[in-house]
Amino acid sequence: MPERSGTGWVTTRRAALGAGVTAVGLAACSGPEGADTPGAGVPGTGTAPEATPSCVLTPEGTEEPYYLDLDLVRGDLVEGRPGVPLTLRTTVVDADTCEPLPDASVDIWHADATGVYSGIRSEGTEGENFLRGVQVTDEEGAAEFSTLYPGWYDRRTVHVHVKVHLAGDVVHTGQLYFEDDTNALVAATDPYAGRADRVVVNADDMFSGTIGPENTLRATGSPEAGYRASIVLGVRA
C-alpha cells in the first residue's frame, strides 16, 4: 500500500525490470562487535566498519511510490540540502558464497531532513534530484555514497531505500533502517529539531514487521561530526 499519493512517481525501465524478476532474499552481514562505538568512523576519517561475511537471507522491502529511474551515477547526493552528513557504504556479495560482486549498480534514495523526497510533484520538488543516486560496485563489491541522515514522515521511521541491479536485472529492492537511539540524537539536532512532528520510532513504522538486525544500520559518529554506516547486501547472482 503506498505511503502517500506520490503523483510525481513514474514507472520506467528499471521498475519494469523489477516486475519481471522473482523476489529474492537480501543478505545483510552485521558489522564487527564494537562497530557502534560512539564517535568512531567519522566521515573523512578512516573507513567504514568492515562487515563479517555471514550471509543471512532477509525479506525484500517495498519500493514505495518515490522511486525515480534517473540513472544519476554519482557518489555525492547532497546538492546543498541541510542536514547531518552520512557516509553510507554498501558491499554487494553473492548470497551463496559471500564473494563480492563487482559491476553491480546500487541505487539509493531517501527523504531529506524535513521528510520530503526530491522529484515528486505532490512534494513540490518536481525536477529536483537531491538525495538520489547510483554507484557501480568496485572489485570488492563496494559502493559508497555521501548523503545526509534521512528524516522521517507520517507512519515512517528513518530509512533509506535501496535497489540492486546485476547484469540488467533487479536482484534486490529493500529498505535500510537506523537504530532508534541514533535517530533520537539526530532528531534533536537542527534542522531536524525544528519539526513539529516527533521522530517515528521503528516499532511504530507501518512496515515494522520487516525491520530487523539484517537491515538495520549501526551508524557511528555524532550529529556534530556526521555519521558513517556500512552494510553487506547479499543477492542471488
C-alpha atoms as a PDB file:
ATOM      1  CA  MET A   1       0.000   0.000   0.000  1.00  0.00           C
ATOM      2  CA  PRO A   2       1.525   3.396  -0.965  1.00  0.00           C
ATOM      3  CA  GLU A   3       2.642   5.682   1.832  1.00  0.00           C
ATOM      4  CA  ARG A   4       1.043   8.726   0.267  1.00  0.00           C
ATOM      5  CA  SER A   5      -0.160   9.888  -3.124  1.00  0.00           C
ATOM      6  CA  GLY A   6       3.243  10.489  -4.794  1.00  0.00           C
ATOM      7  CA  THR A   7       1.750  11.853  -8.022  1.00  0.00           C
ATOM      8  CA  GLY A   8       5.209  12.544  -9.389  1.00  0.00           C
ATOM      9  CA  TRP A   9       6.196   8.853  -9.419  1.00  0.00           C
ATOM     10  CA  VAL A  10       6.840   7.287 -12.802  1.00  0.00           C
ATOM     11  CA  THR A  11       7.070   3.645 -13.842  1.00  0.00           C
ATOM     12  CA  THR A  12      10.083   3.315 -16.108  1.00  0.00           C
ATOM     13  CA  ARG A  13      12.695   0.894 -17.400  1.00  0.00           C
ATOM     14  CA  ARG A  14      14.079  -0.233 -14.055  1.00  0.00           C
ATOM     15  CA  ALA A  15      10.669  -0.626 -12.484  1.00  0.00           C
ATOM     16  CA  ALA A  16       9.602  -2.729 -15.460  1.00  0.00           C
ATOM     17  CA  LEU A  17      12.670  -4.905 -14.994  1.00  0.00           C
ATOM     18  CA  GLY A  18      11.759  -5.422 -11.364  1.00  0.00           C
ATOM     19  CA  ALA A  19       8.240  -6.556 -12.234  1.00  0.00           C
ATOM     20  CA  GLY A  20       9.627  -9.467 -14.208  1.00  0.00           C
ATOM     21  CA  VAL A  21      12.058 -10.701 -11.585  1.00  0.00           C
ATOM     22  CA  THR A  22      11.083 -13.139  -8.859  1.00  0.00           C
ATOM     23  CA  ALA A  23      11.716 -11.585  -5.467  1.00  0.00           C
ATOM     24  CA  VAL A  24      14.920 -12.843  -3.924  1.00  0.00           C
ATOM     25  CA  GLY A  25      16.282 -12.507  -0.435  1.00  0.00           C
ATOM     26  CA  LEU A  26      18.728  -9.927   0.759  1.00  0.00           C
ATOM     27  CA  ALA A  27      21.589 -10.999   2.956  1.00  0.00           C
ATOM     28  CA  ALA A  28      22.824  -8.373   5.354  1.00  0.00           C
ATOM     29  CA  CYS A  29      26.012  -9.049   7.265  1.00  0.00           C
ATOM     30  CA  SER A  30      26.333  -7.192  10.512  1.00  0.00           C
ATOM     31  CA  GLY A  31      29.475  -5.276  11.345  1.00  0.00           C
ATOM     32  CA  PRO A  32      32.029  -6.451  13.884  1.00  0.00           C
ATOM     33  CA  GLU A  33      31.462  -6.235  17.611  1.00  0.00           C
ATOM     34  CA  GLY A  34      32.126  -2.721  18.852  1.00  0.00           C
ATOM     35  CA  ALA A  35      31.455  -1.135  15.470  1.00  0.00           C
ATOM     36  CA  ASP A  36      28.771   1.066  17.027  1.00  0.00           C
ATOM     37  CA  THR A  37      31.125   2.812  19.429  1.00  0.00           C
ATOM     38  CA  PRO A  38      30.057   6.471  19.610  1.00  0.00           C
ATOM     39  CA  GLY A  39      32.436   8.780  17.774  1.00  0.00           C
ATOM     40  CA  ALA A  40      34.060   6.058  15.680  1.00  0.00           C
ATOM     41  CA  GLY A  41      34.191   6.164  11.899  1.00  0.00           C
ATOM     42  CA  VAL A  42      33.518   9.879  11.447  1.00  0.00           C
ATOM     43  CA  PRO A  43      33.151  10.886   7.778  1.00  0.00           C
ATOM     44  CA  GLY A  44      36.505  11.740   6.268  1.00  0.00           C
ATOM     45  CA  THR A  45      38.474   9.821   8.918  1.00  0.00           C
ATOM     46  CA  GLY A  46      39.308   6.189   8.348  1.00  0.00           C
ATOM     47  CA  THR A  47      36.968   3.716   6.713  1.00  0.00           C
ATOM     48  CA  ALA A  48      33.538   2.319   7.430  1.00  0.00           C
ATOM     49  CA  PRO A  49      33.494  -0.734   9.738  1.00  0.00           C
ATOM     50  CA  GLU A  50      34.190  -3.954   7.889  1.00  0.00           C
ATOM     51  CA  ALA A  51      31.235  -6.354   7.711  1.00  0.00           C
ATOM     52  CA  THR A  52      31.607 -10.010   8.619  1.00  0.00           C
ATOM     53  CA  PRO A  53      30.677 -12.389   5.761  1.00  0.00           C
ATOM     54  CA  SER A  54      27.686 -14.090   7.369  1.00  0.00           C
ATOM     55  CA  CYS A  55      25.001 -14.126   4.698  1.00  0.00           C
ATOM     56  CA  VAL A  56      21.521 -14.405   6.173  1.00  0.00           C
ATOM     57  CA  LEU A  57      18.580 -14.018   3.802  1.00  0.00           C
ATOM     58  CA  THR A  58      16.002 -11.460   4.860  1.00  0.00           C
ATOM     59  CA  PRO A  59      12.687 -10.367   3.292  1.00  0.00           C
ATOM     60  CA  GLU A  60      12.505  -7.949   0.410  1.00  0.00           C
ATOM     61  CA  GLY A  61      11.206  -4.459   1.122  1.00  0.00           C
ATOM     62  CA  THR A  62       8.798  -2.299  -0.832  1.00  0.00           C
ATOM     63  CA  GLU A  63       9.865   0.217  -3.462  1.00  0.00           C
ATOM     64  CA  GLU A  64       7.214   2.765  -2.380  1.00  0.00           C
ATOM     65  CA  PRO A  65       5.903   5.496  -4.708  1.00  0.00           C
ATOM     66  CA  TYR A  66       9.085   7.598  -4.581  1.00  0.00           C
ATOM     67  CA  TYR A  67      11.424   5.666  -6.887  1.00  0.00           C
ATOM     68  CA  LEU A  68      12.554   7.559  -9.992  1.00  0.00           C
ATOM     69  CA  ASP A  69      14.547   5.995 -12.840  1.00  0.00           C
ATOM     70  CA  LEU A  70      17.104   8.753 -13.306  1.00  0.00           C
ATOM     71  CA  ASP A  71      20.428   6.921 -13.836  1.00  0.00           C
ATOM     72  CA  LEU A  72      22.186   9.510 -11.654  1.00  0.00           C
ATOM     73  CA  VAL A  73      25.595   7.849 -11.408  1.00  0.00           C
ATOM     74  CA  ARG A  74      27.257   9.840  -8.649  1.00  0.00           C
ATOM     75  CA  GLY A  75      28.569   9.450  -5.120  1.00  0.00           C
ATOM     76  CA  ASP A  76      27.614  12.841  -3.659  1.00  0.00           C
ATOM     77  CA  LEU A  77      23.844  13.131  -3.305  1.00  0.00           C
ATOM     78  CA  VAL A  78      23.506  16.197  -1.070  1.00  0.00           C
ATOM     79  CA  GLU A  79      23.012  19.059  -3.580  1.00  0.00           C
ATOM     80  CA  GLY A  80      23.231  21.645  -0.820  1.00  0.00           C
ATOM     81  CA  ARG A  81      20.401  20.283   1.342  1.00  0.00           C
ATOM     82  CA  PRO A  82      20.812  20.901   5.089  1.00  0.00           C
ATOM     83  CA  GLY A  83      21.258  18.011   7.484  1.00  0.00           C
ATOM     84  CA  VAL A  84      23.683  15.746   9.319  1.00  0.00           C
ATOM     85  CA  PRO A  85      26.280  14.215   6.943  1.00  0.00           C
ATOM     86  CA  LEU A  86      26.074  10.463   6.370  1.00  0.00           C
ATOM     87  CA  THR A  87      28.588   8.302   4.529  1.00  0.00           C
ATOM     88  CA  LEU A  88      26.892   5.053   3.518  1.00  0.00           C
ATOM     89  CA  ARG A  89      28.986   2.138   2.248  1.00  0.00           C
ATOM     90  CA  THR A  90      27.271  -0.892   0.734  1.00  0.00           C
ATOM     91  CA  THR A  91      29.021  -4.111  -0.293  1.00  0.00           C
ATOM     92  CA  VAL A  92      27.183  -6.426  -2.690  1.00  0.00           C
ATOM     93  CA  VAL A  93      28.042 -10.126  -2.418  1.00  0.00           C
ATOM     94  CA  ASP A  94      26.792 -13.456  -3.711  1.00  0.00           C
ATOM     95  CA  ALA A  95      24.362 -14.714  -1.059  1.00  0.00           C
ATOM     96  CA  ASP A  96      25.525 -18.314  -1.529  1.00  0.00           C
ATOM     97  CA  THR A  97      29.288 -17.785  -1.445  1.00  0.00           C
ATOM     98  CA  CYS A  98      29.668 -14.287   0.072  1.00  0.00           C
ATOM     99  CA  GLU A  99      32.050 -13.491  -2.784  1.00  0.00           C
ATOM    100  CA  PRO A 100      31.981  -9.788  -3.745  1.00  0.00           C
ATOM    101  CA  LEU A 101      30.079  -8.822  -6.891  1.00  0.00           C
ATOM    102  CA  PRO A 102      31.757  -6.097  -8.973  1.00  0.00           C
ATOM    103  CA  ASP A 103      29.861  -4.035 -11.566  1.00  0.00           C
ATOM    104  CA  ALA A 104      26.551  -4.187  -9.699  1.00  0.00           C
ATOM    105  CA  SER A 105      24.528  -0.952  -9.706  1.00  0.00           C
ATOM    106  CA  VAL A 106      23.397   0.188  -6.263  1.00  0.00           C
ATOM    107  CA  ASP A 107      20.603   2.760  -6.351  1.00  0.00           C
ATOM    108  CA  ILE A 108      19.607   4.615  -3.169  1.00  0.00           C
ATOM    109  CA  TRP A 109      17.057   7.333  -2.428  1.00  0.00           C
ATOM    110  CA  HIS A 110      15.597   8.799   0.742  1.00  0.00           C
ATOM    111  CA  ALA A 111      13.832  11.779   2.289  1.00  0.00           C
ATOM    112  CA  ASP A 112      15.581  14.954   3.423  1.00  0.00           C
ATOM    113  CA  ALA A 113      15.641  16.297   6.984  1.00  0.00           C
ATOM    114  CA  THR A 114      12.045  17.516   6.650  1.00  0.00           C
ATOM    115  CA  GLY A 115      10.762  14.162   5.364  1.00  0.00           C
ATOM    116  CA  VAL A 116      10.486  15.298   1.734  1.00  0.00           C
ATOM    117  CA  TYR A 117      11.636  13.395  -1.376  1.00  0.00           C
ATOM    118  CA  SER A 118      13.012  15.044  -4.495  1.00  0.00           C
ATOM    119  CA  GLY A 119      11.383  14.766  -7.904  1.00  0.00           C
ATOM    120  CA  ILE A 120       7.830  14.383  -6.579  1.00  0.00           C
ATOM    121  CA  ARG A 121       5.109  16.751  -7.798  1.00  0.00           C
ATOM    122  CA  SER A 122       2.989  16.384  -4.674  1.00  0.00           C
ATOM    123  CA  GLU A 123       6.015  17.292  -2.531  1.00  0.00           C
ATOM    124  CA  GLY A 124       6.719  20.440  -4.534  1.00  0.00           C
ATOM    125  CA  THR A 125      10.115  19.085  -5.612  1.00  0.00           C
ATOM    126  CA  GLU A 126       9.445  18.086  -9.222  1.00  0.00           C
ATOM    127  CA  GLY A 127      12.598  18.493 -11.322  1.00  0.00           C
ATOM    128  CA  GLU A 128      14.925  18.226  -8.308  1.00  0.00           C
ATOM    129  CA  ASN A 129      17.217  15.233  -7.699  1.00  0.00           C
ATOM    130  CA  PHE A 130      18.621  15.657  -4.199  1.00  0.00           C
ATOM    131  CA  LEU A 131      19.381  12.545  -2.118  1.00  0.00           C
ATOM    132  CA  ARG A 132      19.153  10.172  -5.074  1.00  0.00           C
ATOM    133  CA  GLY A 133      21.994   8.408  -6.831  1.00  0.00           C
ATOM    134  CA  VAL A 134      23.573   5.288  -8.285  1.00  0.00           C
ATOM    135  CA  GLN A 135      27.045   3.847  -7.779  1.00  0.00           C
ATOM    136  CA  VAL A 136      28.636   0.868  -9.558  1.00  0.00           C
ATOM    137  CA  THR A 137      30.441  -1.542  -7.237  1.00  0.00           C
ATOM    138  CA  ASP A 138      34.208  -1.923  -7.460  1.00  0.00           C
ATOM    139  CA  GLU A 139      36.225  -5.154  -7.463  1.00  0.00           C
ATOM    140  CA  GLU A 140      35.430  -5.600  -3.766  1.00  0.00           C
ATOM    141  CA  GLY A 141      31.706  -5.212  -4.412  1.00  0.00           C
ATOM    142  CA  ALA A 142      31.702  -1.872  -2.622  1.00  0.00           C
ATOM    143  CA  ALA A 143      29.823   1.335  -3.425  1.00  0.00           C
ATOM    144  CA  GLU A 144      29.946   4.418  -1.216  1.00  0.00           C
ATOM    145  CA  PHE A 145      27.619   7.412  -1.017  1.00  0.00           C
ATOM    146  CA  SER A 146      27.980  10.832   0.599  1.00  0.00           C
ATOM    147  CA  THR A 147      24.496  11.832   1.648  1.00  0.00           C
ATOM    148  CA  LEU A 148      22.522  13.107   4.658  1.00  0.00           C
ATOM    149  CA  TYR A 149      20.905  11.379   7.598  1.00  0.00           C
ATOM    150  CA  PRO A 150      17.293  10.933   6.423  1.00  0.00           C
ATOM    151  CA  GLY A 151      14.254  12.493   8.011  1.00  0.00           C
ATOM    152  CA  TRP A 152      11.020  10.750   8.942  1.00  0.00           C
ATOM    153  CA  TYR A 153       7.403  11.312   7.945  1.00  0.00           C
ATOM    154  CA  ASP A 154       3.867  10.071   8.639  1.00  0.00           C
ATOM    155  CA  ARG A 155       3.964   6.416   9.778  1.00  0.00           C
ATOM    156  CA  ARG A 156       7.541   6.044   8.515  1.00  0.00           C
ATOM    157  CA  THR A 157      10.656   5.841  10.613  1.00  0.00           C
ATOM    158  CA  VAL A 158      14.070   6.951   9.334  1.00  0.00           C
ATOM    159  CA  HIS A 159      15.063   4.773   6.369  1.00  0.00           C
ATOM    160  CA  VAL A 160      16.973   4.551   3.088  1.00  0.00           C
ATOM    161  CA  HIS A 161      15.586   2.819   0.004  1.00  0.00           C
ATOM    162  CA  VAL A 162      17.985   0.576  -1.914  1.00  0.00           C
ATOM    163  CA  LYS A 163      17.757  -1.243  -5.220  1.00  0.00           C
ATOM    164  CA  VAL A 164      20.472  -3.509  -6.659  1.00  0.00           C
ATOM    165  CA  HIS A 165      20.839  -4.235 -10.389  1.00  0.00           C
ATOM    166  CA  LEU A 166      23.051  -7.030 -11.679  1.00  0.00           C
ATOM    167  CA  ALA A 167      23.578  -7.830 -15.369  1.00  0.00           C
ATOM    168  CA  GLY A 168      20.482  -5.821 -16.298  1.00  0.00           C
ATOM    169  CA  ASP A 169      18.180  -7.412 -13.724  1.00  0.00           C
ATOM    170  CA  VAL A 170      16.830  -6.035 -10.458  1.00  0.00           C
ATOM    171  CA  VAL A 171      18.054  -8.542  -7.861  1.00  0.00           C
ATOM    172  CA  HIS A 172      17.009  -6.692  -4.735  1.00  0.00           C
ATOM    173  CA  THR A 173      14.636  -3.945  -3.626  1.00  0.00           C
ATOM    174  CA  GLY A 174      14.603  -3.101   0.058  1.00  0.00           C
ATOM    175  CA  GLN A 175      14.947  -0.555   2.827  1.00  0.00           C
ATOM    176  CA  LEU A 176      17.693   0.109   5.358  1.00  0.00           C
ATOM    177  CA  TYR A 177      16.895   1.371   8.852  1.00  0.00           C
ATOM    178  CA  PHE A 178      18.738   3.001  11.740  1.00  0.00           C
ATOM    179  CA  GLU A 179      18.737   2.411  15.489  1.00  0.00           C
ATOM    180  CA  ASP A 180      16.185   4.410  17.494  1.00  0.00           C
ATOM    181  CA  ASP A 181      18.845   5.868  19.816  1.00  0.00           C
ATOM    182  CA  THR A 182      20.759   7.337  16.877  1.00  0.00           C
ATOM    183  CA  ASN A 183      17.551   8.634  15.307  1.00  0.00           C
ATOM    184  CA  ALA A 184      16.712  10.421  18.560  1.00  0.00           C
ATOM    185  CA  LEU A 185      20.125  12.113  18.693  1.00  0.00           C
ATOM    186  CA  VAL A 186      19.781  13.358  15.129  1.00  0.00           C
ATOM    187  CA  ALA A 187      16.164  14.438  15.699  1.00  0.00           C
ATOM    188  CA  ALA A 188      17.375  16.758  18.474  1.00  0.00           C
ATOM    189  CA  THR A 189      19.783  18.480  16.056  1.00  0.00           C
ATOM    190  CA  ASP A 190      18.953  21.281  13.615  1.00  0.00           C
ATOM    191  CA  PRO A 191      17.360  21.254  11.076  1.00  0.00           C
ATOM    192  CA  TYR A 192      15.547  18.111  12.263  1.00  0.00           C
ATOM    193  CA  ALA A 193      14.792  19.642  15.675  1.00  0.00           C
ATOM    194  CA  GLY A 194      12.684  22.394  14.118  1.00  0.00           C
ATOM    195  CA  ARG A 195       9.996  19.968  13.009  1.00  0.00           C
ATOM    196  CA  ALA A 196       6.589  19.940  14.702  1.00  0.00           C
ATOM    197  CA  ASP A 197       6.175  16.170  14.385  1.00  0.00           C
ATOM    198  CA  ARG A 198       8.180  13.808  16.586  1.00  0.00           C
ATOM    199  CA  VAL A 199      10.509  11.208  15.126  1.00  0.00           C
ATOM    200  CA  VAL A 200       8.759   7.901  14.374  1.00  0.00           C
ATOM    201  CA  VAL A 201      10.337   5.000  16.278  1.00  0.00           C
ATOM    202  CA  ASN A 202      10.954   1.734  14.461  1.00  0.00           C
ATOM    203  CA  ALA A 203       8.225  -0.119  16.353  1.00  0.00           C
ATOM    204  CA  ASP A 204       5.632   2.389  15.101  1.00  0.00           C
ATOM    205  CA  ASP A 205       6.667   2.193  11.448  1.00  0.00           C
ATOM    206  CA  MET A 206       3.982   0.935   9.063  1.00  0.00           C
ATOM    207  CA  PHE A 207       6.426  -1.797   7.976  1.00  0.00           C
ATOM    208  CA  SER A 208       7.806  -2.545  11.450  1.00  0.00           C
ATOM    209  CA  GLY A 209       7.442  -6.282  10.883  1.00  0.00           C
ATOM    210  CA  THR A 210      10.188  -6.126   8.256  1.00  0.00           C
ATOM    211  CA  ILE A 211      12.712  -4.271  10.446  1.00  0.00           C
ATOM    212  CA  GLY A 212      15.423  -6.436  11.987  1.00  0.00           C
ATOM    213  CA  PRO A 213      19.169  -6.688  12.566  1.00  0.00           C
ATOM    214  CA  GLU A 214      19.754  -7.767   8.967  1.00  0.00           C
ATOM    215  CA  ASN A 215      18.588  -4.430   7.542  1.00  0.00           C
ATOM    216  CA  THR A 216      19.374  -2.062  10.417  1.00  0.00           C
ATOM    217  CA  LEU A 217      22.451   0.131  10.043  1.00  0.00           C
ATOM    218  CA  ARG A 218      24.637   0.767  13.071  1.00  0.00           C
ATOM    219  CA  ALA A 219      25.777   4.295  12.331  1.00  0.00           C
ATOM    220  CA  THR A 220      28.949   5.507  14.039  1.00  0.00           C
ATOM    221  CA  GLY A 221      29.829   9.115  14.705  1.00  0.00           C
ATOM    222  CA  SER A 222      27.826  12.029  16.071  1.00  0.00           C
ATOM    223  CA  PRO A 223      25.328  14.655  14.885  1.00  0.00           C
ATOM    224  CA  GLU A 224      28.068  17.285  15.070  1.00  0.00           C
ATOM    225  CA  ALA A 225      30.708  15.387  13.071  1.00  0.00           C
ATOM    226  CA  GLY A 226      28.441  13.255  10.911  1.00  0.00           C
ATOM    227  CA  TYR A 227      27.901   9.516  10.687  1.00  0.00           C
ATOM    228  CA  ARG A 228      29.255   6.528   8.803  1.00  0.00           C
ATOM    229  CA  ALA A 229      27.386   3.274   8.233  1.00  0.00           C
ATOM    230  CA  SER A 230      28.103   0.129   6.242  1.00  0.00           C
ATOM    231  CA  ILE A 231      26.166  -2.973   5.314  1.00  0.00           C
ATOM    232  CA  VAL A 232      26.728  -6.080   3.202  1.00  0.00           C
ATOM    233  CA  LEU A 233      23.936  -6.887   0.752  1.00  0.00           C
ATOM    234  CA  GLY A 234      23.824 -10.488  -0.402  1.00  0.00           C
ATOM    235  CA  VAL A 235      21.891 -11.241  -3.587  1.00  0.00           C
ATOM    236  CA  ARG A 236      21.289 -14.278  -5.781  1.00  0.00           C
ATOM    237  CA  ALA A 237      23.791 -13.766  -8.574  1.00  0.00           C
END
